[in-house]
Amino acid sequence: MKEENPYLKLAHYILPEEIESSFELVDVQQEGQELHLYLEEKVEVPAGYQTEELSPNGFYESGCIQDFPLRDKRVKLYVKRRRWVEKSTGKSVSKDWEPVAQGTRHSKEFAAFLKGLLGEIPDYGPLS
């Protein structure tokens, strides 16, 4: 029986559930007082399509999501979503998915926490 990598197991508890279930952690970097977690969408054909109908077509540009701080460091999740192309039409397709709270650049759980704590969701400026 193959034992699970303990660091990947830890990532399961750190990352928001919706992101952890759809993305793979590919890199972690620290820049000053920030942790940057880089994630790529798992190879899963979007709902409503068969593997034979689509062809992988790279990734969209990374999006940045702010999440709960860890060890006094701001956490930014850089997510790369997969792009697929429909073989018969050439149309670009991707999974339908919204990981951030509406009107914010925060994970849904972090936005709910901030709103409950502060009564509002503060704007921390650019996330890039």
C-alpha atoms as a PDB file:
ATOM      1  CA  MET A   1       0.000   0.000   0.000  1.00  0.00           C
ATOM      2  CA  LYS A   2       1.423   3.361  -1.078  1.00  0.00           C
ATOM      3  CA  GLU A   3       1.537   5.962   1.667  1.00  0.00           C
ATOM      4  CA  GLU A   4       0.187   9.462   0.892  1.00  0.00           C
ATOM      5  CA  ASN A   5       2.732  12.289   0.763  1.00  0.00           C
ATOM      6  CA  PRO A   6       2.352  14.087   4.146  1.00  0.00           C
ATOM      7  CA  TYR A   7       2.808  17.523   2.541  1.00  0.00           C
ATOM      8  CA  LEU A   8       0.001  16.882   0.070  1.00  0.00           C
ATOM      9  CA  LYS A   9      -2.095  15.596   2.947  1.00  0.00           C
ATOM     10  CA  LEU A  10      -1.424  18.857   4.815  1.00  0.00           C
ATOM     11  CA  ALA A  11      -2.406  20.876   1.711  1.00  0.00           C
ATOM     12  CA  HIS A  12      -5.789  19.142   1.893  1.00  0.00           C
ATOM     13  CA  TYR A  13      -6.427  20.837   5.255  1.00  0.00           C
ATOM     14  CA  ILE A  14      -5.009  24.226   4.249  1.00  0.00           C
ATOM     15  CA  LEU A  15      -6.664  24.814   0.876  1.00  0.00           C
ATOM     16  CA  PRO A  16     -10.339  25.716   0.462  1.00  0.00           C
ATOM     17  CA  GLU A  17     -12.306  22.526  -0.255  1.00  0.00           C
ATOM     18  CA  GLU A  18     -13.524  23.634  -3.692  1.00  0.00           C
ATOM     19  CA  ILE A  19      -9.983  24.463  -4.778  1.00  0.00           C
ATOM     20  CA  GLU A  20      -8.355  21.385  -3.228  1.00  0.00           C
ATOM     21  CA  SER A  21     -10.789  19.072  -4.983  1.00  0.00           C
ATOM     22  CA  SER A  22     -10.304  20.634  -8.446  1.00  0.00           C
ATOM     23  CA  PHE A  23      -6.647  21.733  -8.444  1.00  0.00           C
ATOM     24  CA  GLU A  24      -3.193  20.301  -7.822  1.00  0.00           C
ATOM     25  CA  LEU A  25      -0.623  22.204  -5.790  1.00  0.00           C
ATOM     26  CA  VAL A  26       2.424  22.598  -8.053  1.00  0.00           C
ATOM     27  CA  ASP A  27       4.596  25.129  -6.200  1.00  0.00           C
ATOM     28  CA  VAL A  28       4.872  27.189  -3.004  1.00  0.00           C
ATOM     29  CA  GLN A  29       6.986  30.328  -2.708  1.00  0.00           C
ATOM     30  CA  GLN A  30       7.496  32.925  -0.011  1.00  0.00           C
ATOM     31  CA  GLU A  31       7.909  36.567  -0.971  1.00  0.00           C
ATOM     32  CA  GLY A  32       8.423  38.764   2.071  1.00  0.00           C
ATOM     33  CA  GLN A  33       5.408  38.318   4.326  1.00  0.00           C
ATOM     34  CA  GLU A  34       3.360  36.513   1.677  1.00  0.00           C
ATOM     35  CA  LEU A  35       2.968  32.866   0.752  1.00  0.00           C
ATOM     36  CA  HIS A  36       2.216  32.218  -2.902  1.00  0.00           C
ATOM     37  CA  LEU A  37       0.594  28.855  -3.632  1.00  0.00           C
ATOM     38  CA  TYR A  38       0.494  27.867  -7.308  1.00  0.00           C
ATOM     39  CA  LEU A  39      -2.230  25.492  -8.442  1.00  0.00           C
ATOM     40  CA  GLU A  40      -3.184  23.928 -11.767  1.00  0.00           C
ATOM     41  CA  GLU A  41      -6.618  22.536 -12.563  1.00  0.00           C
ATOM     42  CA  LYS A  42      -6.737  18.748 -12.607  1.00  0.00           C
ATOM     43  CA  VAL A  43      -7.220  16.997 -15.953  1.00  0.00           C
ATOM     44  CA  GLU A  44     -10.984  16.464 -15.792  1.00  0.00           C
ATOM     45  CA  VAL A  45     -13.229  16.963 -18.814  1.00  0.00           C
ATOM     46  CA  PRO A  46     -15.924  19.636 -18.200  1.00  0.00           C
ATOM     47  CA  ALA A  47     -19.427  18.380 -17.406  1.00  0.00           C
ATOM     48  CA  GLY A  48     -21.558  17.573 -20.429  1.00  0.00           C
ATOM     49  CA  TYR A  49     -18.648  16.456 -22.621  1.00  0.00           C
ATOM     50  CA  GLN A  50     -16.965  13.157 -23.404  1.00  0.00           C
ATOM     51  CA  THR A  51     -13.186  12.815 -23.643  1.00  0.00           C
ATOM     52  CA  GLU A  52     -13.514  12.073 -27.378  1.00  0.00           C
ATOM     53  CA  GLU A  53     -15.267  15.439 -27.984  1.00  0.00           C
ATOM     54  CA  LEU A  54     -12.532  17.624 -26.464  1.00  0.00           C
ATOM     55  CA  SER A  55      -8.831  18.151 -26.835  1.00  0.00           C
ATOM     56  CA  PRO A  56      -6.605  19.781 -24.160  1.00  0.00           C
ATOM     57  CA  ASN A  57      -5.610  23.307 -25.182  1.00  0.00           C
ATOM     58  CA  GLY A  58      -3.308  24.617 -22.431  1.00  0.00           C
ATOM     59  CA  PHE A  59      -4.293  26.966 -19.619  1.00  0.00           C
ATOM     60  CA  TYR A  60      -5.923  30.348 -19.189  1.00  0.00           C
ATOM     61  CA  GLU A  61      -3.861  33.065 -17.501  1.00  0.00           C
ATOM     62  CA  SER A  62      -3.512  32.543 -13.731  1.00  0.00           C
ATOM     63  CA  GLY A  63      -6.051  34.121 -11.428  1.00  0.00           C
ATOM     64  CA  CYS A  64      -5.162  35.293  -7.921  1.00  0.00           C
ATOM     65  CA  ILE A  65      -7.318  34.599  -4.866  1.00  0.00           C
ATOM     66  CA  GLN A  66      -6.613  35.822  -1.341  1.00  0.00           C
ATOM     67  CA  ASP A  67      -7.154  33.229   1.387  1.00  0.00           C
ATOM     68  CA  PHE A  68      -6.722  32.881   5.149  1.00  0.00           C
ATOM     69  CA  PRO A  69      -3.291  33.927   6.449  1.00  0.00           C
ATOM     70  CA  LEU A  70      -0.881  31.235   7.664  1.00  0.00           C
ATOM     71  CA  ARG A  71       1.745  31.866  10.341  1.00  0.00           C
ATOM     72  CA  ASP A  72       1.299  35.664  10.047  1.00  0.00           C
ATOM     73  CA  LYS A  73       1.768  35.573   6.281  1.00  0.00           C
ATOM     74  CA  ARG A  74      -0.785  36.671   3.688  1.00  0.00           C
ATOM     75  CA  VAL A  75      -1.750  33.776   1.424  1.00  0.00           C
ATOM     76  CA  LYS A  76      -2.349  34.179  -2.278  1.00  0.00           C
ATOM     77  CA  LEU A  77      -3.575  31.283  -4.386  1.00  0.00           C
ATOM     78  CA  TYR A  78      -2.572  31.482  -8.047  1.00  0.00           C
ATOM     79  CA  VAL A  79      -4.914  29.194  -9.967  1.00  0.00           C
ATOM     80  CA  LYS A  80      -4.474  28.125 -13.573  1.00  0.00           C
ATOM     81  CA  ARG A  81      -7.642  26.806 -15.191  1.00  0.00           C
ATOM     82  CA  ARG A  82      -7.462  24.318 -18.054  1.00  0.00           C
ATOM     83  CA  ARG A  83      -8.684  25.215 -21.494  1.00  0.00           C
ATOM     84  CA  TRP A  84     -10.199  22.606 -23.798  1.00  0.00           C
ATOM     85  CA  VAL A  85     -11.176  22.864 -27.463  1.00  0.00           C
ATOM     86  CA  GLU A  86     -14.241  21.207 -28.932  1.00  0.00           C
ATOM     87  CA  LYS A  87     -12.935  19.065 -31.816  1.00  0.00           C
ATOM     88  CA  SER A  88     -15.987  19.505 -34.044  1.00  0.00           C
ATOM     89  CA  THR A  89     -16.386  23.308 -33.713  1.00  0.00           C
ATOM     90  CA  GLY A  90     -13.014  24.630 -32.498  1.00  0.00           C
ATOM     91  CA  LYS A  91     -14.866  26.350 -29.624  1.00  0.00           C
ATOM     92  CA  SER A  92     -12.933  26.941 -26.372  1.00  0.00           C
ATOM     93  CA  VAL A  93     -14.442  25.208 -23.333  1.00  0.00           C
ATOM     94  CA  SER A  94     -13.633  25.117 -19.598  1.00  0.00           C
ATOM     95  CA  LYS A  95     -15.213  23.871 -16.385  1.00  0.00           C
ATOM     96  CA  ASP A  96     -17.890  26.121 -14.891  1.00  0.00           C
ATOM     97  CA  TRP A  97     -16.484  27.136 -11.513  1.00  0.00           C
ATOM     98  CA  GLU A  98     -16.428  30.159  -9.247  1.00  0.00           C
ATOM     99  CA  PRO A  99     -13.944  29.938  -6.329  1.00  0.00           C
ATOM    100  CA  VAL A 100     -14.231  33.530  -5.076  1.00  0.00           C
ATOM    101  CA  ALA A 101     -16.925  35.377  -3.183  1.00  0.00           C
ATOM    102  CA  GLN A 102     -18.951  37.551  -5.543  1.00  0.00           C
ATOM    103  CA  GLY A 103     -17.449  41.023  -5.996  1.00  0.00           C
ATOM    104  CA  THR A 104     -14.171  40.101  -4.261  1.00  0.00           C
ATOM    105  CA  ARG A 105     -10.802  38.449  -4.873  1.00  0.00           C
ATOM    106  CA  HIS A 106     -11.152  36.423  -1.629  1.00  0.00           C
ATOM    107  CA  SER A 107     -11.936  32.737  -1.255  1.00  0.00           C
ATOM    108  CA  LYS A 108     -15.571  32.201  -0.269  1.00  0.00           C
ATOM    109  CA  GLU A 109     -14.637  30.977   3.225  1.00  0.00           C
ATOM    110  CA  PHE A 110     -12.224  33.880   3.873  1.00  0.00           C
ATOM    111  CA  ALA A 111     -14.769  36.457   2.671  1.00  0.00           C
ATOM    112  CA  ALA A 112     -17.441  34.985   4.967  1.00  0.00           C
ATOM    113  CA  PHE A 113     -14.999  35.054   7.897  1.00  0.00           C
ATOM    114  CA  LEU A 114     -14.056  38.713   7.272  1.00  0.00           C
ATOM    115  CA  LYS A 115     -17.670  39.768   6.871  1.00  0.00           C
ATOM    116  CA  GLY A 116     -18.603  38.009  10.137  1.00  0.00           C
ATOM    117  CA  LEU A 117     -15.644  39.511  11.998  1.00  0.00           C
ATOM    118  CA  LEU A 118     -15.617  43.034  10.554  1.00  0.00           C
ATOM    119  CA  GLY A 119     -19.090  43.419   9.100  1.00  0.00           C
ATOM    120  CA  GLU A 120     -17.496  44.052   5.693  1.00  0.00           C
ATOM    121  CA  ILE A 121     -14.871  42.680   3.369  1.00  0.00           C
ATOM    122  CA  PRO A 122     -11.847  45.027   3.229  1.00  0.00           C
ATOM    123  CA  ASP A 123     -10.019  45.753  -0.021  1.00  0.00           C
ATOM    124  CA  TYR A 124      -6.316  44.966   0.325  1.00  0.00           C
ATOM    125  CA  GLY A 125      -5.386  46.463  -3.028  1.00  0.00           C
ATOM    126  CA  PRO A 126      -3.921  44.657  -6.032  1.00  0.00           C
ATOM    127  CA  LEU A 127      -3.213  40.964  -5.623  1.00  0.00           C
ATOM    128  CA  SER A 128      -0.807  40.358  -8.477  1.00  0.00           C
END
